[in-house]
């Protein structure tokens, strides 16, 4: 890693954050968000329960 690369790693990876932001903006601009949201919906009651259980587990570990 060069000195420049190391400097970017202090409080965060600025290059990675910049790439992520660019990718998200491109997705929002070019993709059908409504279709993606519908495709992400749980398909059955078991998936709903699994997602609720996972969310509960995550919240139990969260601070605050």
Protein backbone atom coordinates (compact mmCIF):
# COMPACT_ATOMS: atom_id res chain seq x y z
CA UNK A 1 0.00 0.00 0.00
CA UNK A 2 1.38 3.40 -0.87
CA UNK A 3 1.42 6.32 1.57
CA UNK A 4 -1.58 7.85 -0.20
CA UNK A 5 -3.60 4.64 0.20
CA UNK A 6 -2.75 4.41 3.91
CA UNK A 7 -3.89 8.01 4.47
CA UNK A 8 -7.31 7.11 3.15
CA UNK A 9 -7.78 4.41 5.77
CA UNK A 10 -7.77 6.60 8.92
CA UNK A 11 -11.37 7.24 9.90
CA UNK A 12 -12.77 5.43 6.89
CA UNK A 13 -12.02 4.28 3.40
CA UNK A 14 -12.87 7.34 1.35
CA UNK A 15 -12.40 5.59 -1.99
CA UNK A 16 -14.75 2.77 -1.01
CA UNK A 17 -17.33 5.26 0.29
CA UNK A 18 -17.11 7.24 -2.94
CA UNK A 19 -17.56 4.07 -5.06
CA UNK A 20 -20.49 2.92 -2.93
CA UNK A 21 -22.22 6.30 -3.19
CA UNK A 22 -21.71 6.32 -6.98
CA UNK A 23 -23.10 2.77 -7.28
CA UNK A 24 -26.17 3.58 -5.15
CA UNK A 25 -26.87 6.74 -7.15
CA UNK A 26 -26.57 4.75 -10.38
CA UNK A 27 -28.90 2.04 -9.09
CA UNK A 28 -31.54 4.55 -8.00
CA UNK A 29 -31.27 6.41 -11.30
CA UNK A 30 -31.39 3.40 -13.63
CA UNK A 31 -33.28 0.61 -11.88
CA UNK A 32 -36.97 0.01 -11.29
CA UNK A 33 -37.10 0.55 -7.53
CA UNK A 34 -40.75 -0.49 -7.21
CA UNK A 35 -40.05 -3.81 -8.94
CA UNK A 36 -36.99 -4.41 -6.75
CA UNK A 37 -39.04 -3.70 -3.60
CA UNK A 38 -41.78 -6.11 -4.68
CA UNK A 39 -39.20 -8.79 -5.48
CA UNK A 40 -37.69 -8.39 -2.00
CA UNK A 41 -41.00 -8.97 -0.21
CA UNK A 42 -41.23 -12.19 1.78
CA UNK A 43 -42.86 -14.92 -0.28
CA UNK A 44 -44.69 -16.73 2.50
CA UNK A 45 -45.52 -16.69 6.22
CA UNK A 46 -42.41 -18.68 7.11
CA UNK A 47 -40.18 -16.02 5.53
CA UNK A 48 -42.09 -13.33 7.44
CA UNK A 49 -41.41 -15.18 10.72
CA UNK A 50 -37.74 -15.73 9.85
CA UNK A 51 -37.26 -12.04 9.03
CA UNK A 52 -39.01 -10.96 12.23
CA UNK A 53 -36.84 -13.35 14.26
CA UNK A 54 -33.67 -12.05 12.60
CA UNK A 55 -34.72 -8.45 13.23
CA UNK A 56 -35.46 -9.23 16.89
CA UNK A 57 -32.06 -10.87 17.27
CA UNK A 58 -30.35 -7.87 15.69
CA UNK A 59 -32.22 -5.41 17.88
CA UNK A 60 -31.35 -7.38 21.02
CA UNK A 61 -27.66 -6.87 20.26
CA UNK A 62 -27.99 -3.19 19.37
CA UNK A 63 -26.89 -0.49 21.76
CA UNK A 64 -29.35 2.14 22.83
